[in-house]
Amino acid sequence: MPKILPFILLLFIVQAALADSSSRYEISELRTEYLEASKDKAVAERFNRKMSKYAAKDPVVLAYKAASEAVMAKYVWNPYSKLKQIKTAAAIFEEAVALDKDHPEIRFLRFTVEHYVPRYLNLSPNLESDKQVMISSLKAHPDSGISADFARTMRDFLLTKDHCTEAEKKELRRISI
C-alpha cells in the first residue's frame, strides 16, 4: 500500500489540475463573459486577462480568445492600440478557423467582430464566407450541432441591421428553431 500512495497522490493532483483548466474555459461561461465584456470595461479587462492565459488549441475557445482581444479595442483610446488589438484578434481568429473551418460559433464571433470594424480599414475580409457558414448551420439545425439557444442568438443577430440581404433575411425567418 505505501508504494501505491505516491501514485494515487499524483493521479489526484493531475485530475485536479485538469478539472481546473477545463472548468475555466467552459463555452457557456465564455459566452456570458464575452457578452458582459462588451458592456463593461472592468469585465473586459478581466476576460482578456483570463483568455490571454489560454494556450491550448480548442478552436472555439481560441475564437473567444480572439474576441477578448477585439473587445479590448473598444476600451483603449489610442487608435494605434485599437488597430493592434484588432490585428491580434484577426490572427487568433485565423488560427481558430484553420482548426475548424465549419464551426458556426467561431464564424459567428469573427463575423460580429469584423462587422463592427470600420470598412475603410480593410480588416473585414471574411464577412460573406462567415455569414454563409452561419446560414448553412442554421438551415441544418439541429443537425449542425449547435444548441437551440445559440442558433436563435445567431439568427436574431443576422436579422438585425444590414447583416443580410432581404432574401437571406426571408430565408432565415422561415427557419424554425
Protein backbone atom coordinates (compact mmCIF):
# COMPACT_ATOMS: atom_id res chain seq x y z
CA MET A 1 0.00 0.00 0.00
CA PRO A 2 2.76 2.55 0.81
CA LYS A 3 4.20 2.09 -2.72
CA ILE A 4 0.89 2.94 -4.35
CA LEU A 5 0.25 6.06 -2.25
CA PRO A 6 2.55 8.38 -4.28
CA PHE A 7 0.87 7.16 -7.49
CA ILE A 8 -2.62 7.88 -6.10
CA LEU A 9 -1.47 11.30 -4.91
CA LEU A 10 -0.02 12.10 -8.34
CA LEU A 11 -3.20 10.92 -10.05
CA PHE A 12 -5.28 13.12 -7.75
CA ILE A 13 -3.12 16.19 -8.49
CA VAL A 14 -3.29 15.63 -12.26
CA GLN A 15 -7.04 15.13 -12.10
CA ALA A 16 -7.50 18.31 -10.06
CA ALA A 17 -5.35 20.29 -12.49
CA LEU A 18 -7.30 19.01 -15.48
CA ALA A 19 -10.62 19.75 -13.81
CA ASP A 20 -9.49 23.29 -13.03
CA SER A 21 -8.31 24.05 -16.57
CA SER A 22 -11.42 22.67 -18.25
CA SER A 23 -13.81 24.46 -15.93
CA ARG A 24 -12.10 27.79 -16.53
CA TYR A 25 -12.87 27.65 -20.24
CA GLU A 26 -16.42 26.31 -20.41
CA ILE A 27 -18.03 27.58 -23.60
CA SER A 28 -21.29 28.56 -21.87
CA GLU A 29 -19.31 30.64 -19.38
CA LEU A 30 -17.21 32.22 -22.12
CA ARG A 31 -20.37 33.27 -23.97
CA THR A 32 -21.66 35.02 -20.87
CA GLU A 33 -18.31 36.63 -20.07
CA TYR A 34 -17.92 37.88 -23.65
CA LEU A 35 -21.37 39.45 -23.62
CA GLU A 36 -20.65 41.14 -20.29
CA ALA A 37 -17.21 42.24 -21.52
CA SER A 38 -18.78 44.03 -24.45
CA LYS A 39 -20.69 46.21 -21.98
CA ASP A 40 -18.22 46.80 -19.14
CA LYS A 41 -14.55 47.78 -19.30
CA ALA A 42 -13.59 46.12 -15.99
CA VAL A 43 -15.20 42.85 -17.08
CA ALA A 44 -13.50 43.13 -20.48
CA GLU A 45 -10.10 43.55 -18.86
CA ARG A 46 -10.68 40.55 -16.57
CA PHE A 47 -11.96 38.45 -19.50
CA ASN A 48 -8.96 39.45 -21.62
CA ARG A 49 -6.50 38.55 -18.83
CA LYS A 50 -8.18 35.17 -18.42
CA MET A 51 -8.20 34.44 -22.15
CA SER A 52 -4.62 35.60 -22.68
CA LYS A 53 -3.52 32.71 -20.44
CA TYR A 54 -5.23 30.15 -22.69
CA ALA A 55 -2.55 28.17 -24.52
CA ALA A 56 -4.36 25.05 -25.72
CA LYS A 57 -5.83 24.60 -29.19
CA ASP A 58 -9.60 24.18 -28.80
CA PRO A 59 -10.81 26.20 -31.81
CA VAL A 60 -13.95 27.59 -30.14
CA VAL A 61 -12.04 28.70 -27.05
CA LEU A 62 -9.43 30.27 -29.36
CA ALA A 63 -12.25 32.20 -31.03
CA TYR A 64 -13.28 33.56 -27.64
CA LYS A 65 -9.64 34.46 -27.01
CA ALA A 66 -9.71 36.41 -30.27
CA ALA A 67 -12.99 38.04 -29.30
CA SER A 68 -11.47 39.08 -25.96
CA GLU A 69 -8.71 40.89 -27.86
CA ALA A 70 -11.22 42.57 -30.16
CA VAL A 71 -13.47 43.75 -27.34
CA MET A 72 -10.49 45.43 -25.69
CA ALA A 73 -10.20 47.65 -28.77
CA LYS A 74 -13.46 49.22 -27.66
CA TYR A 75 -11.91 50.41 -24.42
CA VAL A 76 -8.48 51.69 -25.47
CA TRP A 77 -8.33 55.32 -26.58
CA ASN A 78 -5.21 55.24 -28.75
CA PRO A 79 -6.01 54.48 -32.44
CA TYR A 80 -2.74 52.55 -32.80
CA SER A 81 -3.66 50.38 -29.80
CA LYS A 82 -7.13 49.79 -31.21
CA LEU A 83 -5.65 48.67 -34.53
CA LYS A 84 -3.14 46.43 -32.76
CA GLN A 85 -5.94 44.74 -30.76
CA ILE A 86 -7.98 44.14 -33.93
CA LYS A 87 -4.98 42.70 -35.79
CA THR A 88 -4.16 40.42 -32.87
CA ALA A 89 -7.77 39.25 -32.81
CA ALA A 90 -7.71 38.62 -36.57
CA ALA A 91 -4.61 36.44 -36.28
CA ILE A 92 -6.15 34.34 -33.50
CA PHE A 93 -9.41 34.03 -35.45
CA GLU A 94 -7.42 32.75 -38.44
CA GLU A 95 -5.86 30.09 -36.22
CA ALA A 96 -9.28 29.06 -34.86
CA VAL A 97 -10.82 28.86 -38.34
CA ALA A 98 -7.86 26.85 -39.61
CA LEU A 99 -8.53 24.31 -36.85
CA ASP A 100 -12.28 24.08 -37.58
CA LYS A 101 -13.39 25.98 -40.67
CA ASP A 102 -17.06 24.97 -40.47
CA HIS A 103 -17.80 25.67 -36.82
CA PRO A 104 -20.65 28.21 -36.76
CA GLU A 105 -19.76 29.69 -33.36
CA ILE A 106 -16.23 30.53 -34.48
CA ARG A 107 -17.60 32.10 -37.64
CA PHE A 108 -20.27 33.99 -35.68
CA LEU A 109 -17.73 35.51 -33.31
CA ARG A 110 -15.46 36.58 -36.17
CA PHE A 111 -18.44 37.95 -38.10
CA THR A 112 -19.61 40.06 -35.15
CA VAL A 113 -16.14 41.49 -34.69
CA GLU A 114 -15.48 42.17 -38.38
CA HIS A 115 -18.92 43.70 -38.85
CA TYR A 116 -18.13 46.48 -36.38
CA VAL A 117 -14.65 47.24 -37.70
CA PRO A 118 -14.77 50.37 -39.90
CA ARG A 119 -14.76 49.33 -43.57
CA TYR A 120 -12.03 51.80 -44.56
CA LEU A 121 -9.53 49.76 -42.52
CA ASN A 122 -9.99 46.77 -44.87
CA LEU A 123 -9.86 44.36 -41.93
CA SER A 124 -13.18 42.62 -42.59
CA PRO A 125 -12.47 40.21 -45.46
CA ASN A 126 -14.44 37.25 -44.06
CA LEU A 127 -17.93 38.68 -43.62
CA GLU A 128 -19.52 36.90 -46.57
CA SER A 129 -17.89 33.49 -46.01
CA ASP A 130 -18.66 33.62 -42.27
CA LYS A 131 -22.26 34.56 -42.97
CA GLN A 132 -22.65 31.63 -45.39
CA VAL A 133 -21.32 29.16 -42.80
CA MET A 134 -23.74 30.55 -40.22
CA ILE A 135 -26.74 30.41 -42.56
CA SER A 136 -25.86 26.85 -43.61
CA SER A 137 -25.63 25.74 -39.99
CA LEU A 138 -28.96 27.38 -39.19
CA LYS A 139 -30.60 25.59 -42.13
CA ALA A 140 -29.12 22.29 -40.89
CA HIS A 141 -30.20 22.87 -37.28
CA PRO A 142 -30.48 20.75 -35.11
CA ASP A 143 -28.08 18.52 -37.06
CA SER A 144 -25.48 21.30 -37.12
CA GLY A 145 -24.52 20.57 -33.52
CA ILE A 146 -25.30 24.00 -32.08
CA SER A 147 -27.78 24.48 -29.28
CA ALA A 148 -31.20 25.94 -29.95
CA ASP A 149 -30.38 28.95 -27.77
CA PHE A 150 -27.21 29.73 -29.66
CA ALA A 151 -28.94 29.12 -33.01
CA ARG A 152 -31.61 31.68 -32.03
CA THR A 153 -28.93 34.16 -30.95
CA MET A 154 -27.12 33.75 -34.26
CA ARG A 155 -30.32 34.02 -36.33
CA ASP A 156 -31.56 37.06 -34.40
CA PHE A 157 -28.22 38.81 -34.87
CA LEU A 158 -28.24 38.12 -38.61
CA LEU A 159 -31.77 39.52 -38.88
CA THR A 160 -30.79 42.87 -37.37
CA LYS A 161 -29.39 45.86 -39.23
CA ASP A 162 -27.66 45.26 -42.53
CA HIS A 163 -26.10 41.90 -41.75
CA CYS A 164 -28.02 40.09 -44.51
CA THR A 165 -29.80 40.80 -47.75
CA GLU A 166 -33.59 40.84 -47.75
CA ALA A 167 -33.61 37.44 -49.50
CA GLU A 168 -31.34 35.98 -46.80
CA LYS A 169 -33.50 37.50 -44.06
CA LYS A 170 -36.60 35.97 -45.62
CA GLU A 171 -34.86 32.59 -45.66
CA LEU A 172 -33.73 32.97 -42.04
CA ARG A 173 -37.24 33.87 -40.86
CA ARG A 174 -38.52 30.57 -42.27
CA ILE A 175 -36.12 28.54 -40.13
CA SER A 176 -37.85 27.26 -37.02
CA ILE A 177 -35.63 26.89 -34.02
